[in-house]
Amino acid sequence: MASMYISALTTALLLGGSHAVSAYDTLSTWSPTAVPYTGQCGSIAADLGPGLSTNATIVLPGNSSFEALEIRSSSPRIQPTFTAIVEVATEEDIQQTIRYADRCDIPFLAVAGGHGWQSTINNANGAIQINMRKMQQIELESSGTLVRIGGGVLQRHLTQTLYSLGKQAVTGLCECTSIIGPLLGGGHSVLQGFHGFVSDNLLSARVVLANGTAVTASATEHPDLFWALRGAGHNFGIVASFEVKAYDLPKTNWTIVSIVYTQDKLEEFIDALNEVDNEGDHVPELVLAGAITRIAAFDTVYPVVAYQLSYLGTADEVEPYVARFRQAGPISVTTAENVAYNDYYIATSNGYNQTTCEEDNNISGYAISLRKYNKAAVRQTFGYFSNLTADARYNTSVWLLESYGSRGVWAQNYSATAVAPAERNLPVLTVPITWWAGNSTEAREKAETYGKLMRAALAAGDQETSSTSHVYLNYAIGDESREQVYGAEPLPRLQALKKRYDPANKFGFYMPLV
């Protein structure tokens, strides 16, 4: 039975069908011996260009599109300088580019959504950018339970495409991020209460390794690499294409209740939030997420709490949860009913053209995972956030308060992925995110100082986790210890696999393992 195709490009590009299958695919063990690139280290256009597919493009500094391809959502704080940008279109293009870079001793960095804010990315200065955005292929298998995705697909593209087919997949939280980027770090999702993290839904991946070899990683092929990809995958290769589980769209739509509190109700709000969240143990239909931010329409002096309860069901069904939040004394409660899943991310201010996805702004976030909120710690952190955002340079900043539900996460086999156990066991994901424009060192240092103060206050308030202060990999800022991010339990195995698959640490710019 024929598959359903949603792509202007051929399935051969997605599956890597046009390349010769490497002998490594048939071996039980993998050797890091590189396949030499046959070109010379002169002009990248002359030496690499002939080996690329017809749809690939090499963009050099001075080209009118070079600057636009360099811009990140986290610029200019995170802005590695590139010597060239290769817009790859096939798996073979990635292989050829890596082999060229290896032969010429040039670093490289894969870019899809461009949303990473780890300071370690700046170490890629002088690199070749391997731009994945031409690899936009999506193929829903005829069974309807599996979707094959190109390595450059963004969340908006996948969500809208699958929705048109009556399907959905577990993806990240923001329309402008890639699918694969958050997945490789675990991947929180509004659907995780049902199906686990994004990484729990990965079935297989075509991965280009440090020597340019392409392999399939799955439960049966290179299972050790497959384990590592799901939780620490940025350190092991470039995912050219991958397969994830697809699910039928539910018969009901979402109800989204938006609630606003002024700062004098902060403690009452936290009591309500802790009670309803119940340390992550609530029905998967309920998603709790929002932010503390400045909204002049409600308060011209202090930030306010702008929170949302999303429920896969009707307004009547979510009202028992909303009622507890009403008791905390909000100044505004509004309800949006019958929100379709393809509109959900816009309705929750995570849309492609909304603030979260704006480019060319500095982003600095100091995340921490918690079991529940401590009121005194939240009040102290609020004071820091209020002081910082009173400075007009930072007044669009947000302090995210996210609790997506844990039942589906807890139901997974913890040992099947490299996701840190603490990430599964600590249901509260919170991160004060500072936005500001420009290249001022003073502005950056002020944001960093306050970020550290806020994270330390939140950590000290959670006695169960203050000694470990676990930080979600995809929200890490770059100054955390490896144990904090990857977990003390998976780390030794990850580092052993790193030595085997990437001994020269070619993939060492996104929270490096070594």
Protein backbone atom coordinates (compact mmCIF):
# COMPACT_ATOMS: atom_id res chain seq x y z
CA MET A 1 0.00 0.00 0.00
CA ALA A 2 1.44 3.34 -0.98
CA SER A 3 2.63 5.80 1.62
CA MET A 4 1.17 9.29 1.92
CA TYR A 5 3.75 11.83 0.79
CA ILE A 6 3.83 15.43 1.93
CA SER A 7 6.89 16.93 0.32
CA ALA A 8 8.03 18.65 -2.80
CA LEU A 9 11.24 16.63 -2.61
CA THR A 10 11.57 12.94 -3.21
CA THR A 11 11.44 10.27 -0.57
CA ALA A 12 14.90 9.19 -1.70
CA LEU A 13 16.30 12.33 -0.15
CA LEU A 14 14.61 11.62 3.15
CA LEU A 15 15.62 8.00 3.34
CA GLY A 16 19.08 8.49 1.95
CA GLY A 17 18.07 6.15 -0.86
CA SER A 18 20.41 7.75 -3.35
CA HIS A 19 23.60 6.95 -1.48
CA ALA A 20 25.59 3.77 -1.36
CA VAL A 21 24.93 1.94 1.90
CA SER A 22 28.06 1.92 4.03
CA ALA A 23 29.64 -1.37 4.92
CA TYR A 24 29.49 -0.19 8.52
CA ASP A 25 25.72 -0.74 8.46
CA THR A 26 26.28 -4.49 8.32
CA LEU A 27 28.86 -4.68 11.10
CA SER A 28 28.11 -5.41 14.72
CA THR A 29 30.82 -2.97 15.81
CA TRP A 30 31.87 0.38 14.40
CA SER A 31 35.37 1.64 13.72
CA PRO A 32 36.21 5.37 13.77
CA THR A 33 38.52 5.05 10.75
CA ALA A 34 37.57 7.88 8.41
CA VAL A 35 36.85 7.53 4.72
CA PRO A 36 39.23 10.09 3.14
CA TYR A 37 37.78 12.96 1.17
CA THR A 38 39.39 13.08 -2.26
CA GLY A 39 39.48 16.86 -2.68
CA GLN A 40 42.15 19.36 -1.68
CA CYS A 41 41.96 22.07 0.97
CA GLY A 42 41.64 25.14 -1.16
CA SER A 43 38.46 26.87 -2.22
CA ILE A 44 35.50 25.16 -0.54
CA ALA A 45 33.32 25.96 -3.55
CA ALA A 46 35.77 24.36 -5.96
CA ASP A 47 36.77 21.43 -3.76
CA LEU A 48 33.51 20.52 -2.03
CA GLY A 49 30.96 21.83 -4.51
CA PRO A 50 31.34 19.14 -7.19
CA GLY A 51 30.64 16.43 -4.61
CA LEU A 52 27.33 17.90 -3.47
CA SER A 53 23.85 17.26 -4.84
CA THR A 54 22.25 19.65 -7.30
CA ASN A 55 19.97 21.12 -4.60
CA ALA A 56 22.79 21.86 -2.18
CA THR A 57 24.26 25.36 -1.94
CA ILE A 58 27.54 26.76 -0.64
CA VAL A 59 27.13 30.31 0.68
CA LEU A 60 30.24 32.37 1.41
CA PRO A 61 30.77 35.60 3.36
CA GLY A 62 29.86 38.55 1.20
CA ASN A 63 26.94 36.74 -0.40
CA SER A 64 23.67 38.61 0.17
CA SER A 65 22.07 35.62 1.93
CA PHE A 66 25.04 34.78 4.18
CA GLU A 67 24.10 37.19 6.98
CA ALA A 68 20.48 36.01 7.05
CA LEU A 69 21.60 32.38 7.39
CA GLU A 70 23.88 33.34 10.30
CA ILE A 71 21.12 34.94 12.38
CA ARG A 72 19.92 32.89 15.34
CA SER A 73 17.05 33.31 17.75
CA SER A 74 19.74 33.69 20.42
CA SER A 75 21.92 36.25 18.59
CA PRO A 76 24.09 38.15 19.25
CA ARG A 77 25.02 36.54 22.60
CA ILE A 78 25.33 33.21 20.83
CA GLN A 79 26.87 33.93 17.44
CA PRO A 80 29.68 31.69 16.25
CA THR A 81 31.39 33.03 13.15
CA PHE A 82 31.26 30.82 10.07
CA THR A 83 33.76 30.60 7.24
CA ALA A 84 31.12 29.09 4.95
CA ILE A 85 27.56 27.84 5.06
CA VAL A 86 26.65 24.62 3.28
CA GLU A 87 22.92 24.22 2.73
CA VAL A 88 22.71 20.45 2.49
CA ALA A 89 19.86 18.70 0.72
CA THR A 90 20.72 15.02 1.14
CA GLU A 91 22.38 12.69 3.57
CA GLU A 92 25.30 12.41 1.18
CA ASP A 93 25.74 16.18 1.26
CA ILE A 94 26.25 15.99 5.03
CA GLN A 95 28.75 13.16 4.61
CA GLN A 96 30.75 15.01 1.99
CA THR A 97 30.82 18.20 4.05
CA ILE A 98 32.01 16.43 7.19
CA ARG A 99 34.73 14.61 5.26
CA TYR A 100 35.89 17.86 3.70
CA ALA A 101 35.91 19.61 7.08
CA ASP A 102 37.81 16.72 8.66
CA ARG A 103 40.44 16.64 5.93
CA CYS A 104 40.93 20.40 6.14
CA ASP A 105 40.79 20.48 9.95
CA ILE A 106 37.83 22.88 10.00
CA PRO A 107 35.17 22.62 12.74
CA PHE A 108 31.53 22.30 11.72
CA LEU A 109 28.16 22.95 13.35
CA ALA A 110 24.76 21.70 12.22
CA VAL A 111 21.95 24.29 12.34
CA ALA A 112 18.24 23.70 11.91
CA GLY A 113 16.07 25.90 14.14
CA GLY A 114 18.96 28.01 15.46
CA HIS A 115 17.39 28.36 18.91
CA GLY A 116 20.12 26.90 21.16
CA TRP A 117 21.42 29.33 23.78
CA GLN A 118 24.31 27.37 25.32
CA SER A 119 27.45 29.49 25.53
CA THR A 120 29.47 26.45 24.40
CA ILE A 121 28.13 26.97 20.86
CA ASN A 122 30.33 30.06 20.58
CA ASN A 123 33.35 27.73 20.56
CA ALA A 124 32.46 26.87 16.95
CA ASN A 125 34.12 30.04 15.65
CA GLY A 126 35.55 29.61 12.17
CA ALA A 127 33.32 26.61 11.53
CA ILE A 128 31.43 25.47 8.48
CA GLN A 129 27.73 25.78 9.18
CA ILE A 130 25.90 22.69 7.96
CA ASN A 131 22.48 24.19 7.38
CA MET A 132 19.74 21.55 7.48
CA ARG A 133 16.80 23.70 6.45
CA LYS A 134 16.49 22.25 2.94
CA MET A 135 15.85 18.81 4.44
CA GLN A 136 12.13 19.42 4.96
CA GLN A 137 10.78 16.01 3.98
CA ILE A 138 7.81 14.47 5.80
CA GLU A 139 6.37 11.07 4.98
CA LEU A 140 3.55 9.42 6.89
CA GLU A 141 3.77 5.66 6.49
CA SER A 142 0.64 3.94 5.19
CA SER A 143 -0.02 2.35 8.60
CA GLY A 144 -0.43 5.85 10.02
CA THR A 145 1.66 4.97 13.06
CA LEU A 146 5.07 6.16 11.87
CA VAL A 147 6.29 9.38 10.28
CA ARG A 148 9.68 9.86 8.59
CA ILE A 149 11.10 13.34 8.99
CA GLY A 150 14.00 15.25 7.47
CA GLY A 151 16.62 16.65 9.80
CA GLY A 152 15.68 20.27 9.03
CA VAL A 153 11.94 20.06 9.65
CA LEU A 154 10.58 22.66 12.07
CA GLN A 155 7.78 22.02 14.48
CA ARG A 156 5.27 24.24 12.67
CA HIS A 157 5.81 22.32 9.42
CA LEU A 158 5.31 18.92 11.04
CA THR A 159 2.34 19.93 13.18
CA GLN A 160 0.45 21.50 10.29
CA THR A 161 1.26 18.66 7.89
CA LEU A 162 0.22 15.88 10.24
CA TYR A 163 -2.89 17.76 11.31
CA SER A 164 -4.06 17.84 7.70
CA LEU A 165 -3.80 14.03 7.75
CA GLY A 166 -5.64 13.62 11.05
CA LYS A 167 -2.42 12.86 12.93
CA GLN A 168 -0.07 14.33 15.52
CA ALA A 169 3.35 13.54 16.94
CA VAL A 170 5.06 14.33 20.21
CA THR A 171 7.12 17.46 19.57
CA GLY A 172 8.66 20.34 21.49
CA LEU A 173 7.09 23.50 22.79
CA CYS A 174 7.85 26.13 20.17
CA GLU A 175 6.90 26.31 16.48
CA CYS A 176 10.25 27.69 15.29
CA THR A 177 12.47 24.99 16.77
CA SER A 178 13.44 21.93 14.80
CA ILE A 179 11.90 18.58 15.71
CA ILE A 180 15.24 16.82 16.11
CA GLY A 181 17.01 19.44 18.25
CA PRO A 182 14.76 19.20 21.33
CA LEU A 183 14.38 15.44 20.78
CA LEU A 184 18.12 14.85 21.13
CA GLY A 185 18.02 16.47 24.58
CA GLY A 186 14.93 14.60 25.78
CA GLY A 187 12.20 16.99 24.68
CA HIS A 188 9.35 18.20 26.88
CA SER A 189 5.95 18.28 25.19
CA VAL A 190 2.32 19.13 25.83
CA LEU A 191 1.64 15.49 24.89
CA GLN A 192 4.15 13.99 27.32
CA GLY A 193 1.46 13.11 29.86
CA PHE A 194 0.15 10.64 27.28
CA HIS A 195 3.24 9.48 25.38
CA GLY A 196 6.41 10.46 27.27
CA PHE A 197 9.17 12.79 26.13
CA VAL A 198 9.84 13.49 22.46
CA SER A 199 12.89 11.20 22.66
CA ASP A 200 10.74 8.33 23.93
CA ASN A 201 8.95 8.39 20.59
CA LEU A 202 12.02 8.02 18.37
CA LEU A 203 12.01 4.74 16.45
CA SER A 204 15.13 5.08 14.32
CA ALA A 205 17.53 7.65 12.92
CA ARG A 206 19.97 7.97 10.04
CA VAL A 207 23.04 9.50 11.65
CA VAL A 208 26.14 10.90 9.99
CA LEU A 209 29.06 10.27 12.32
CA ALA A 210 32.29 12.16 12.87
CA ASN A 211 34.14 10.39 10.08
CA GLY A 212 31.39 10.98 7.51
CA THR A 213 29.94 7.49 7.76
CA ALA A 214 26.14 7.22 7.82
CA VAL A 215 24.53 4.55 9.98
CA THR A 216 21.07 3.60 11.12
CA ALA A 217 20.49 3.76 14.87
CA SER A 218 17.54 1.88 16.29
CA ALA A 219 16.68 -0.69 18.93
CA THR A 220 18.23 -3.36 16.68
CA GLU A 221 20.96 -1.48 14.79
CA HIS A 222 23.66 0.29 16.78
CA PRO A 223 21.45 0.15 19.88
CA ASP A 224 24.11 1.81 22.04
CA LEU A 225 24.16 4.83 19.75
CA PHE A 226 20.34 4.79 19.68
CA TRP A 227 20.32 4.93 23.49
CA ALA A 228 22.74 7.87 23.52
CA LEU A 229 20.88 9.83 20.84
CA ARG A 230 17.80 9.97 23.06
CA GLY A 231 19.02 12.33 25.74
CA ALA A 232 22.55 13.36 24.67
CA GLY A 233 22.31 13.14 20.92
CA HIS A 234 23.88 16.48 20.02
CA ASN A 235 27.24 14.98 20.99
CA PHE A 236 27.19 12.00 18.63
CA GLY A 237 26.34 12.99 15.08
CA ILE A 238 24.09 14.82 12.66
CA VAL A 239 20.66 13.26 12.20
CA ALA A 240 19.84 13.39 8.50
CA SER A 241 16.42 11.80 8.88
CA PHE A 242 14.51 9.94 11.54
CA GLU A 243 11.30 8.10 12.35
CA VAL A 244 8.93 8.82 15.22
CA LYS A 245 5.60 7.49 16.34
CA ALA A 246 2.47 9.08 14.90
CA TYR A 247 -0.86 9.20 16.71
CA ASP A 248 -4.45 9.82 15.69
CA LEU A 249 -5.77 13.25 16.52
CA PRO A 250 -8.17 13.03 19.46
CA LYS A 251 -11.82 13.62 18.74
CA THR A 252 -11.95 16.63 21.04
CA ASN A 253 -10.10 19.96 20.91
CA TRP A 254 -8.38 22.00 23.60
CA THR A 255 -9.77 24.48 26.10
CA ILE A 256 -7.26 27.12 27.22
CA VAL A 257 -7.96 29.16 30.35
CA SER A 258 -5.71 32.20 30.83
CA ILE A 259 -5.39 33.61 34.35
CA VAL A 260 -3.57 36.74 35.54
CA TYR A 261 -2.46 37.56 39.09
CA THR A 262 -0.83 40.66 40.49
CA GLN A 263 2.27 40.21 42.65
CA ASP A 264 0.36 40.45 45.95
CA LYS A 265 -1.30 37.10 45.12
CA LEU A 266 1.97 35.32 44.28
CA GLU A 267 1.95 32.99 47.28
CA GLU A 268 -1.73 32.11 46.85
CA PHE A 269 -1.04 31.31 43.20
CA ILE A 270 1.89 29.04 44.10
CA ASP A 271 -0.29 27.17 46.61
CA ALA A 272 -2.88 26.57 43.90
CA LEU A 273 -0.27 25.54 41.34
CA ASN A 274 1.43 23.06 43.67
CA GLU A 275 -1.90 21.55 44.63
CA VAL A 276 -3.21 21.12 41.09
CA ASP A 277 0.12 19.96 39.67
CA ASN A 278 0.43 17.39 42.47
CA GLU A 279 4.13 16.88 41.72
CA GLY A 280 3.32 15.96 38.13
CA ASP A 281 0.73 13.32 39.02
CA HIS A 282 -2.35 14.65 37.25
CA VAL A 283 -4.42 13.59 34.26
CA PRO A 284 -2.52 13.81 30.94
CA GLU A 285 -5.28 15.97 29.48
CA LEU A 286 -4.15 18.84 31.75
CA VAL A 287 -1.16 21.01 30.83
CA LEU A 288 0.05 23.73 33.20
CA ALA A 289 2.32 26.43 31.81
CA GLY A 290 2.75 30.16 31.95
CA ALA A 291 5.10 32.94 32.88
CA ILE A 292 5.87 35.83 35.15
CA THR A 293 6.37 38.89 32.98
CA ARG A 294 5.57 42.58 32.67
CA ILE A 295 2.15 43.46 31.27
CA ALA A 296 1.43 47.15 31.71
CA ALA A 297 -2.30 46.66 31.18
CA PHE A 298 -2.44 44.85 34.51
CA ASP A 299 0.38 46.42 36.55
CA THR A 300 2.71 49.27 35.66
CA VAL A 301 5.08 48.73 38.60
CA TYR A 302 5.61 44.99 39.03
CA PRO A 303 5.58 41.90 36.82
CA VAL A 304 2.43 39.80 36.89
CA VAL A 305 1.72 36.08 36.72
CA ALA A 306 0.18 35.17 33.36
CA TYR A 307 -0.71 31.48 33.58
CA GLN A 308 -2.61 29.03 31.41
CA LEU A 309 -4.42 25.80 32.05
CA SER A 310 -4.77 23.84 28.83
CA TYR A 311 -7.17 20.92 28.83
CA LEU A 312 -7.89 18.38 26.11
CA GLY A 313 -11.62 18.62 26.59
CA THR A 314 -14.39 21.05 27.36
CA ALA A 315 -14.58 24.12 29.59
CA ASP A 316 -16.80 22.19 31.99
CA GLU A 317 -14.21 19.43 32.28
CA VAL A 318 -11.36 21.79 33.14
CA GLU A 319 -13.42 23.95 35.54
CA PRO A 320 -12.67 21.85 38.69
CA TYR A 321 -8.98 22.67 38.20
CA VAL A 322 -9.67 26.29 37.31
CA ALA A 323 -11.80 26.65 40.43
CA ARG A 324 -8.76 26.10 42.63
CA PHE A 325 -6.92 28.87 40.78
CA ARG A 326 -9.92 31.17 41.13
CA GLN A 327 -9.63 30.80 44.90
CA ALA A 328 -6.17 32.41 44.68
CA GLY A 329 -7.70 35.75 43.61
CA PRO A 330 -6.82 36.42 39.94
CA ILE A 331 -7.65 39.78 38.38
CA SER A 332 -8.46 38.24 35.02
CA VAL A 333 -9.77 34.87 33.80
CA THR A 334 -10.48 34.31 30.10
CA THR A 335 -11.34 31.09 28.28
CA ALA A 336 -10.69 30.00 24.70
CA GLU A 337 -12.73 26.97 23.73
CA ASN A 338 -12.45 24.43 20.92
CA VAL A 339 -8.81 25.25 20.08
CA ALA A 340 -7.58 22.87 17.37
CA TYR A 341 -4.15 21.30 17.87
CA ASN A 342 -2.68 23.04 14.83
CA ASP A 343 -3.59 26.36 16.47
CA TYR A 344 -2.50 25.38 19.98
CA TYR A 345 1.01 26.83 19.87
CA ILE A 346 -0.18 30.22 18.66
CA ALA A 347 -2.87 30.25 21.35
CA THR A 348 -0.19 29.66 23.99
CA SER A 349 2.18 32.35 22.59
CA ASN A 350 4.69 29.86 21.17
CA GLY A 351 3.91 30.56 17.53
CA TYR A 352 6.35 30.96 14.68
CA ASN A 353 5.79 34.72 14.40
CA GLN A 354 5.48 35.45 18.12
CA THR A 355 8.00 36.80 20.64
CA THR A 356 9.48 33.41 21.49
CA CYS A 357 10.65 33.00 17.90
CA GLU A 358 12.01 36.49 17.28
CA GLU A 359 15.51 36.53 15.84
CA ASP A 360 18.51 38.72 16.59
CA ASN A 361 17.80 39.13 20.30
CA ASN A 362 20.01 37.99 23.14
CA ILE A 363 18.52 35.18 25.19
CA SER A 364 19.87 34.11 28.56
CA GLY A 365 18.06 31.49 30.63
CA TYR A 366 18.99 29.88 33.95
CA ALA A 367 16.83 26.79 34.27
CA ILE A 368 16.29 24.36 37.09
CA SER A 369 14.05 21.33 37.51
CA LEU A 370 12.09 21.00 40.75
CA ARG A 371 9.64 18.67 42.42
CA LYS A 372 7.42 21.59 43.45
CA TYR A 373 7.70 25.31 44.14
CA ASN A 374 8.82 26.77 47.45
CA LYS A 375 6.86 29.97 48.16
CA ALA A 376 9.69 31.78 49.94
CA ALA A 377 12.12 30.93 47.13
CA VAL A 378 9.63 32.07 44.49
CA ARG A 379 9.10 35.37 46.32
CA GLN A 380 12.87 35.94 46.55
CA THR A 381 13.30 35.10 42.88
CA PHE A 382 10.41 37.39 42.00
CA GLY A 383 12.27 40.23 43.70
CA TYR A 384 15.34 39.61 41.55
CA PHE A 385 13.24 39.33 38.38
CA SER A 386 11.31 42.50 39.22
CA ASN A 387 14.50 44.45 39.81
CA LEU A 388 16.08 43.26 36.58
CA THR A 389 13.05 43.91 34.39
CA ALA A 390 12.57 47.39 35.85
CA ASP A 391 15.51 48.17 33.57
CA ALA A 392 13.85 48.88 30.22
CA ARG A 393 16.49 46.86 28.37
CA TYR A 394 15.08 43.66 29.89
CA ASN A 395 11.39 44.48 30.21
CA THR A 396 10.25 41.86 27.65
CA SER A 397 11.85 39.05 29.66
CA VAL A 398 9.79 36.12 30.92
CA TRP A 399 10.15 33.66 33.77
CA LEU A 400 8.68 30.38 32.54
CA LEU A 401 6.75 28.12 34.93
CA GLU A 402 6.11 24.79 33.18
CA SER A 403 4.48 21.59 34.43
CA TYR A 404 3.43 19.38 31.55
CA GLY A 405 2.40 16.28 33.47
CA SER A 406 4.46 13.19 34.18
CA ARG A 407 2.35 10.07 33.98
CA GLY A 408 3.39 9.30 30.41
CA VAL A 409 7.02 10.14 31.25
CA TRP A 410 7.07 7.87 34.29
CA ALA A 411 5.53 5.02 32.27
CA GLN A 412 8.62 4.77 30.04
CA ASN A 413 11.56 2.42 30.53
CA TYR A 414 14.09 4.77 32.11
CA SER A 415 17.06 2.66 31.02
CA ALA A 416 16.02 2.74 27.35
CA THR A 417 17.21 6.32 26.84
CA ALA A 418 20.05 8.53 28.02
CA VAL A 419 17.65 11.10 29.52
CA ALA A 420 18.79 11.91 33.05
CA PRO A 421 16.55 10.15 35.61
CA ALA A 422 16.13 13.47 37.42
CA GLU A 423 14.54 14.93 34.30
CA ARG A 424 11.82 12.31 34.55
CA ASN A 425 11.43 12.52 38.31
CA LEU A 426 11.31 16.31 38.70
CA PRO A 427 8.09 17.52 37.03
CA VAL A 428 8.56 21.28 37.39
CA LEU A 429 10.59 22.95 34.66
CA THR A 430 11.25 26.61 35.41
CA VAL A 431 13.58 29.10 33.75
CA PRO A 432 13.88 32.88 34.03
CA ILE A 433 14.59 33.97 30.44
CA THR A 434 16.16 37.36 29.86
CA TRP A 435 15.82 39.13 26.51
CA TRP A 436 17.77 42.19 25.48
CA ALA A 437 19.17 43.72 22.30
CA GLY A 438 22.67 44.79 21.36
CA ASN A 439 26.24 43.74 22.11
CA SER A 440 26.87 45.55 25.40
CA THR A 441 29.15 43.59 27.74
CA GLU A 442 27.60 45.36 30.72
CA ALA A 443 24.10 44.32 29.63
CA ARG A 444 25.16 40.70 29.21
CA GLU A 445 26.92 40.61 32.58
CA LYS A 446 23.91 42.07 34.34
CA ALA A 447 21.63 39.44 32.78
CA GLU A 448 24.04 36.69 33.81
CA THR A 449 24.37 37.98 37.37
CA TYR A 450 20.62 38.07 37.90
CA GLY A 451 20.14 34.73 36.17
CA LYS A 452 22.53 33.05 38.58
CA LEU A 453 20.85 34.70 41.58
CA MET A 454 17.42 33.51 40.46
CA ARG A 455 18.51 29.94 39.80
CA ALA A 456 20.34 29.74 43.13
CA ALA A 457 17.28 31.01 45.01
CA LEU A 458 14.99 28.47 43.37
CA ALA A 459 17.44 25.63 44.01
CA ALA A 460 17.86 26.54 47.67
CA GLY A 461 14.10 26.46 48.12
CA ASP A 462 13.80 22.81 47.06
CA GLN A 463 15.55 20.84 49.79
CA GLU A 464 15.16 17.57 47.89
CA THR A 465 17.06 18.78 44.85
CA SER A 466 19.22 21.65 46.05
CA SER A 467 22.31 19.45 46.34
CA THR A 468 22.09 18.31 42.71
CA SER A 469 20.34 21.25 41.00
CA HIS A 470 19.41 19.29 37.90
CA VAL A 471 19.18 21.39 34.72
CA TYR A 472 17.27 20.33 31.60
CA LEU A 473 19.82 19.86 28.80
CA ASN A 474 17.94 21.92 26.20
CA TYR A 475 17.62 24.81 28.66
CA ALA A 476 21.21 24.66 29.93
CA ILE A 477 23.15 27.93 29.64
CA GLY A 478 26.63 26.44 29.35
CA ASP A 479 28.12 26.91 32.83
CA GLU A 480 26.60 23.79 34.40
CA SER A 481 28.52 20.66 35.33
CA ARG A 482 28.05 17.57 33.17
CA GLU A 483 26.51 15.78 36.15
CA GLN A 484 23.91 18.53 36.51
CA VAL A 485 22.82 18.20 32.91
CA TYR A 486 23.38 14.57 31.91
CA GLY A 487 22.99 12.95 35.32
CA ALA A 488 25.58 11.06 37.34
CA GLU A 489 24.11 7.68 36.33
CA PRO A 490 24.18 7.92 32.50
CA LEU A 491 27.33 10.05 32.28
CA PRO A 492 30.06 7.34 32.43
CA ARG A 493 28.34 5.28 29.74
CA LEU A 494 27.82 8.38 27.59
CA GLN A 495 31.47 9.35 27.87
CA ALA A 496 32.60 5.83 26.93
CA LEU A 497 30.38 5.91 23.84
CA LYS A 498 31.64 9.37 23.01
CA LYS A 499 35.20 8.09 23.01
CA ARG A 500 34.15 5.32 20.65
CA TYR A 501 31.97 7.23 18.19
CA ASP A 502 33.56 10.69 18.28
CA PRO A 503 37.08 10.36 19.73
CA ALA A 504 38.21 13.75 18.41
CA ASN A 505 35.12 15.49 19.86
CA LYS A 506 34.01 16.88 16.50
CA PHE A 507 30.49 17.17 17.94
CA GLY A 508 31.55 19.11 20.98
CA PHE A 509 29.75 22.45 20.79
CA TYR A 510 26.34 21.68 22.36
CA MET A 511 26.99 21.03 26.06
CA PRO A 512 30.01 18.78 25.42
CA LEU A 513 30.30 15.46 27.21
CA VAL A 514 34.10 15.64 27.40
